[in-house]
Amino acid sequence: MELQPLGDRLIVEVLEEEEMTVSGIVLPDTAKEKPQRGRVLAVGPGARNEKGDHVPMDIAKDDEVVFSKYGGTEIKLGIDDVLILRESDVLAKVIGTREPAGAKA
């Protein structure tokens, strides 16, 4: 099954990150915070302006994004769980790579 988002919505595959404490203890799923990063699988045509024309989205397919912790709607797509978000629920695009805070080179 494939989904095509409508309006200013996008479909995001949530990126699960293994969380480990500074001392090296891996946290179980029940102790983890809800993920806030994902990869965009599909984008809608964008919202409409006053004239009825589509306003292009700032986000494209395959972008990695950071989104609101409790934003969007979770759905099951085949065996995967995906999130349908509005463009306004996206806080930032991930540009480039950066070591996590506290990581040693």
C-alpha atoms as a PDB file:
ATOM      1  CA  MET A   1       0.000   0.000   0.000  1.00  0.00           C
ATOM      2  CA  GLU A   2       1.281   3.453  -0.890  1.00  0.00           C
ATOM      3  CA  LEU A   3       0.062   6.749   0.525  1.00  0.00           C
ATOM      4  CA  GLN A   4       0.074  10.177  -1.129  1.00  0.00           C
ATOM      5  CA  PRO A   5      -0.221  12.960   1.449  1.00  0.00           C
ATOM      6  CA  LEU A   6      -2.626  15.818   0.735  1.00  0.00           C
ATOM      7  CA  GLY A   7      -2.120  19.553   1.184  1.00  0.00           C
ATOM      8  CA  ASP A   8       0.764  20.518   3.442  1.00  0.00           C
ATOM      9  CA  ARG A   9       1.175  17.037   4.931  1.00  0.00           C
ATOM     10  CA  LEU A  10       4.129  14.694   4.692  1.00  0.00           C
ATOM     11  CA  ILE A  11       4.804  11.071   5.573  1.00  0.00           C
ATOM     12  CA  VAL A  12       7.818  10.455   7.795  1.00  0.00           C
ATOM     13  CA  GLU A  13       9.605   7.224   8.707  1.00  0.00           C
ATOM     14  CA  VAL A  14      10.622   7.656  12.342  1.00  0.00           C
ATOM     15  CA  LEU A  15      14.332   7.034  12.941  1.00  0.00           C
ATOM     16  CA  GLU A  16      14.830   5.009  16.081  1.00  0.00           C
ATOM     17  CA  GLU A  17      18.056   5.761  17.879  1.00  0.00           C
ATOM     18  CA  GLU A  18      19.575   3.422  20.411  1.00  0.00           C
ATOM     19  CA  GLU A  19      19.876   5.483  23.536  1.00  0.00           C
ATOM     20  CA  MET A  20      22.785   4.904  25.834  1.00  0.00           C
ATOM     21  CA  THR A  21      23.630   6.714  29.008  1.00  0.00           C
ATOM     22  CA  VAL A  22      27.027   8.349  29.514  1.00  0.00           C
ATOM     23  CA  SER A  23      28.044   5.353  31.636  1.00  0.00           C
ATOM     24  CA  GLY A  24      27.225   2.949  28.762  1.00  0.00           C
ATOM     25  CA  ILE A  25      23.864   1.571  29.916  1.00  0.00           C
ATOM     26  CA  VAL A  26      21.460   0.960  27.021  1.00  0.00           C
ATOM     27  CA  LEU A  27      17.971   2.199  27.863  1.00  0.00           C
ATOM     28  CA  PRO A  28      15.011  -0.132  27.200  1.00  0.00           C
ATOM     29  CA  ASP A  29      12.146   1.056  24.947  1.00  0.00           C
ATOM     30  CA  THR A  30       9.951   1.798  27.961  1.00  0.00           C
ATOM     31  CA  ALA A  31      12.484   4.309  29.326  1.00  0.00           C
ATOM     32  CA  LYS A  32      13.193   6.086  26.028  1.00  0.00           C
ATOM     33  CA  GLU A  33      11.696   9.403  25.044  1.00  0.00           C
ATOM     34  CA  LYS A  34       9.536   9.562  21.944  1.00  0.00           C
ATOM     35  CA  PRO A  35      11.775   9.973  18.856  1.00  0.00           C
ATOM     36  CA  GLN A  36      11.808  13.350  17.142  1.00  0.00           C
ATOM     37  CA  ARG A  37      13.817  12.611  13.972  1.00  0.00           C
ATOM     38  CA  GLY A  38      12.703  10.989  10.777  1.00  0.00           C
ATOM     39  CA  ARG A  39      13.218  10.579   7.046  1.00  0.00           C
ATOM     40  CA  VAL A  40      10.586  11.988   4.696  1.00  0.00           C
ATOM     41  CA  LEU A  41       8.986   9.286   2.514  1.00  0.00           C
ATOM     42  CA  ALA A  42       6.472  11.476   0.632  1.00  0.00           C
ATOM     43  CA  VAL A  43       5.283  15.084   0.538  1.00  0.00           C
ATOM     44  CA  GLY A  44       1.973  16.599  -0.487  1.00  0.00           C
ATOM     45  CA  PRO A  45       1.586  19.365  -3.079  1.00  0.00           C
ATOM     46  CA  GLY A  46       1.582  22.078  -0.384  1.00  0.00           C
ATOM     47  CA  ALA A  47      -1.011  24.350   1.170  1.00  0.00           C
ATOM     48  CA  ARG A  48      -3.067  26.718  -0.969  1.00  0.00           C
ATOM     49  CA  ASN A  49      -2.772  30.499  -0.881  1.00  0.00           C
ATOM     50  CA  GLU A  50      -5.650  33.012  -1.103  1.00  0.00           C
ATOM     51  CA  LYS A  51      -5.806  32.605  -4.899  1.00  0.00           C
ATOM     52  CA  GLY A  52      -6.084  28.816  -4.626  1.00  0.00           C
ATOM     53  CA  ASP A  53      -2.573  28.126  -5.934  1.00  0.00           C
ATOM     54  CA  HIS A  54      -0.365  25.537  -4.241  1.00  0.00           C
ATOM     55  CA  VAL A  55       2.493  26.970  -2.180  1.00  0.00           C
ATOM     56  CA  PRO A  56       5.483  24.613  -2.633  1.00  0.00           C
ATOM     57  CA  MET A  57       6.765  22.871   0.486  1.00  0.00           C
ATOM     58  CA  ASP A  58      10.223  23.587   1.934  1.00  0.00           C
ATOM     59  CA  ILE A  59      10.684  19.864   2.581  1.00  0.00           C
ATOM     60  CA  ALA A  60      11.396  17.215  -0.056  1.00  0.00           C
ATOM     61  CA  LYS A  61      11.392  13.425  -0.184  1.00  0.00           C
ATOM     62  CA  ASP A  62      14.426  11.830   1.560  1.00  0.00           C
ATOM     63  CA  ASP A  63      15.084  14.911   3.749  1.00  0.00           C
ATOM     64  CA  GLU A  64      15.894  14.135   7.370  1.00  0.00           C
ATOM     65  CA  VAL A  65      13.785  16.268   9.691  1.00  0.00           C
ATOM     66  CA  VAL A  66      13.257  17.054  13.365  1.00  0.00           C
ATOM     67  CA  PHE A  67       9.590  17.278  14.315  1.00  0.00           C
ATOM     68  CA  SER A  68       7.421  18.165  17.311  1.00  0.00           C
ATOM     69  CA  LYS A  69       7.443  15.490  19.987  1.00  0.00           C
ATOM     70  CA  TYR A  70       3.676  14.965  20.004  1.00  0.00           C
ATOM     71  CA  GLY A  71       2.860  16.160  16.488  1.00  0.00           C
ATOM     72  CA  GLY A  72       1.295  14.104  13.736  1.00  0.00           C
ATOM     73  CA  THR A  73      -0.663  10.880  13.469  1.00  0.00           C
ATOM     74  CA  GLU A  74       0.983   7.466  13.726  1.00  0.00           C
ATOM     75  CA  ILE A  75      -0.244   4.802  11.302  1.00  0.00           C
ATOM     76  CA  LYS A  76       0.816   1.287  10.333  1.00  0.00           C
ATOM     77  CA  LEU A  77       2.034   1.039   6.727  1.00  0.00           C
ATOM     78  CA  GLY A  78       2.666  -2.626   5.977  1.00  0.00           C
ATOM     79  CA  ILE A  79       5.056  -3.748   8.704  1.00  0.00           C
ATOM     80  CA  ASP A  80       6.372  -0.236   9.345  1.00  0.00           C
ATOM     81  CA  ASP A  81       5.004   2.517  11.551  1.00  0.00           C
ATOM     82  CA  VAL A  82       5.005   5.939   9.881  1.00  0.00           C
ATOM     83  CA  LEU A  83       3.946   9.398  10.960  1.00  0.00           C
ATOM     84  CA  ILE A  84       1.743  11.802   8.972  1.00  0.00           C
ATOM     85  CA  LEU A  85       2.722  15.376   9.859  1.00  0.00           C
ATOM     86  CA  ARG A  86       1.764  18.845   8.739  1.00  0.00           C
ATOM     87  CA  GLU A  87       4.630  20.962   7.462  1.00  0.00           C
ATOM     88  CA  SER A  88       4.130  23.222  10.504  1.00  0.00           C
ATOM     89  CA  ASP A  89       4.942  20.253  12.823  1.00  0.00           C
ATOM     90  CA  VAL A  90       8.445  20.078  11.318  1.00  0.00           C
ATOM     91  CA  LEU A  91      10.884  22.120  13.364  1.00  0.00           C
ATOM     92  CA  ALA A  92      14.041  21.770  11.229  1.00  0.00           C
ATOM     93  CA  LYS A  93      15.783  19.940   8.393  1.00  0.00           C
ATOM     94  CA  VAL A  94      18.972  18.079   9.265  1.00  0.00           C
ATOM     95  CA  ILE A  95      21.798  19.487   7.143  1.00  0.00           C
ATOM     96  CA  GLY A  96      25.144  17.671   7.036  1.00  0.00           C
ATOM     97  CA  THR A  97      26.430  15.427   9.771  1.00  0.00           C
ATOM     98  CA  ARG A  98      27.521  16.279  13.270  1.00  0.00           C
ATOM     99  CA  GLU A  99      28.709  14.223  16.195  1.00  0.00           C
ATOM    100  CA  PRO A 100      26.207  14.044  19.069  1.00  0.00           C
ATOM    101  CA  ALA A 101      26.956  16.244  22.079  1.00  0.00           C
ATOM    102  CA  GLY A 102      29.493  14.568  24.345  1.00  0.00           C
ATOM    103  CA  ALA A 103      30.767  12.173  21.643  1.00  0.00           C
ATOM    104  CA  LYS A 104      34.489  11.562  21.440  1.00  0.00           C
ATOM    105  CA  ALA A 105      36.284  11.679  18.102  1.00  0.00           C
END
